[in-house]
Amino acid sequence: MLKKVLISTFASLVLAFTSQVAMAGVKTSSLSMAKPSVNQKLPTQCQRMFSVADKLVSDAEKQPGTHTQVAKMKSKLSSTRQQILKMETEMQQKSCNKGLTALNTLKQKH
């Protein structure tokens, strides 16, 4: 039962984080003249965040009756990775710090 609550909470967290990342990517300055360079290598915070998220998804896959939620989580994580890769390094770091904090809080609660 606890694992199902964790999976459900994690799915909600991934959805919320994906929405937050999408909104963060929309914020731009009207004063910028050139498109900022995009970092194709994820900062350490993002690597850690996705490592934690991948571990939670892996654990969720082992639970019976979670296959539909796991597929959604994998899809959202993949989408989030792509969105983060399109961000400037500073925005990647801020977004991943928030995501990592939320994932760690979730792990501690359950």
Protein backbone atom coordinates (compact mmCIF):
# COMPACT_ATOMS: atom_id res chain seq x y z
CA MET A 1 0.00 0.00 0.00
CA LEU A 2 2.80 2.39 0.91
CA LYS A 3 4.51 1.72 -2.42
CA LYS A 4 1.29 2.56 -4.30
CA VAL A 5 1.02 5.85 -2.40
CA LEU A 6 4.66 6.57 -3.23
CA ILE A 7 4.10 5.78 -6.90
CA SER A 8 0.99 7.93 -7.05
CA THR A 9 2.75 10.80 -5.29
CA PHE A 10 5.79 10.43 -7.54
CA ALA A 11 3.59 10.50 -10.64
CA SER A 12 1.99 13.72 -9.40
CA LEU A 13 5.40 15.18 -8.65
CA VAL A 14 6.68 14.35 -12.13
CA LEU A 15 3.61 15.96 -13.69
CA ALA A 16 3.99 19.08 -11.53
CA PHE A 17 7.71 19.32 -12.21
CA THR A 18 7.16 18.92 -15.95
CA SER A 19 4.64 21.76 -15.88
CA GLN A 20 7.06 23.91 -13.89
CA VAL A 21 9.90 23.21 -16.32
CA ALA A 22 7.68 24.02 -19.28
CA MET A 23 6.73 27.35 -17.71
CA ALA A 24 10.36 28.12 -16.83
CA GLY A 25 11.35 27.59 -20.43
CA VAL A 26 8.74 30.10 -21.58
CA LYS A 27 10.13 32.98 -19.51
CA THR A 28 12.37 35.09 -21.71
CA SER A 29 13.60 38.62 -21.70
CA SER A 30 12.35 40.93 -24.41
CA LEU A 31 15.73 42.69 -24.26
CA SER A 32 17.85 39.74 -25.34
CA MET A 33 19.23 40.09 -28.82
CA ALA A 34 20.75 36.68 -29.36
CA LYS A 35 19.45 33.24 -28.56
CA PRO A 36 21.30 31.89 -25.51
CA SER A 37 23.49 28.87 -26.03
CA VAL A 38 21.97 25.58 -24.98
CA ASN A 39 23.96 23.15 -22.88
CA GLN A 40 23.76 19.58 -24.22
CA LYS A 41 25.42 18.17 -21.08
CA LEU A 42 23.29 18.17 -17.97
CA PRO A 43 24.63 19.85 -14.82
CA THR A 44 25.43 17.63 -11.83
CA GLN A 45 22.13 18.58 -10.12
CA CYS A 46 20.17 17.35 -13.13
CA GLN A 47 22.16 14.15 -13.40
CA ARG A 48 21.43 13.45 -9.72
CA MET A 49 17.77 14.36 -10.06
CA PHE A 50 17.25 12.03 -13.02
CA SER A 51 19.21 9.28 -11.28
CA VAL A 52 16.88 9.50 -8.27
CA ALA A 53 13.83 9.65 -10.54
CA ASP A 54 15.02 6.66 -12.58
CA LYS A 55 15.54 4.67 -9.37
CA LEU A 56 12.01 5.50 -8.18
CA VAL A 57 10.58 4.46 -11.55
CA SER A 58 12.61 1.24 -11.43
CA ASP A 59 11.25 0.50 -7.95
CA ALA A 60 7.73 1.29 -9.14
CA GLU A 61 8.07 -1.17 -12.04
CA LYS A 62 8.57 -3.96 -9.52
CA GLN A 63 5.21 -3.29 -7.88
CA PRO A 64 2.18 -5.23 -9.19
CA GLY A 65 -0.55 -3.25 -10.90
CA THR A 66 1.53 -0.17 -11.63
CA HIS A 67 2.41 -0.72 -15.30
CA THR A 68 0.12 2.05 -16.62
CA GLN A 69 1.48 4.59 -14.16
CA VAL A 70 5.07 3.56 -14.83
CA ALA A 71 4.62 4.10 -18.57
CA LYS A 72 3.26 7.60 -17.92
CA MET A 73 6.13 8.40 -15.52
CA LYS A 74 8.73 7.24 -18.05
CA SER A 75 7.12 9.34 -20.75
CA LYS A 76 7.01 12.44 -18.56
CA LEU A 77 10.62 11.97 -17.43
CA SER A 78 11.75 11.67 -21.02
CA SER A 79 9.84 14.83 -21.92
CA THR A 80 11.29 16.65 -18.92
CA ARG A 81 14.83 15.66 -19.93
CA GLN A 82 14.29 17.08 -23.39
CA GLN A 83 12.85 20.33 -22.00
CA ILE A 84 15.73 20.74 -19.57
CA LEU A 85 18.29 20.16 -22.33
CA LYS A 86 16.80 23.12 -24.20
CA MET A 87 17.32 25.48 -21.25
CA GLU A 88 20.26 27.69 -20.41
CA THR A 89 22.65 26.17 -17.86
CA GLU A 90 21.54 28.52 -15.08
CA MET A 91 17.88 27.65 -15.58
CA GLN A 92 18.76 23.94 -15.73
CA GLN A 93 20.50 24.20 -12.38
CA LYS A 94 17.61 26.05 -10.73
CA SER A 95 14.99 23.67 -12.11
CA CYS A 96 16.92 20.55 -11.19
CA ASN A 97 17.66 21.84 -7.69
CA LYS A 98 13.91 22.24 -7.15
CA GLY A 99 13.17 18.82 -8.62
CA LEU A 100 15.90 17.12 -6.60
CA THR A 101 14.66 18.74 -3.40
CA ALA A 102 11.11 17.62 -4.12
CA LEU A 103 12.21 14.05 -4.91
CA ASN A 104 14.33 13.83 -1.76
CA THR A 105 11.42 15.15 0.32
CA LEU A 106 9.17 12.54 -1.26
CA LYS A 107 11.64 9.75 -0.52
CA GLN A 108 11.94 10.85 3.13
CA LYS A 109 8.17 10.91 3.61
CA HIS A 110 7.73 7.38 2.32
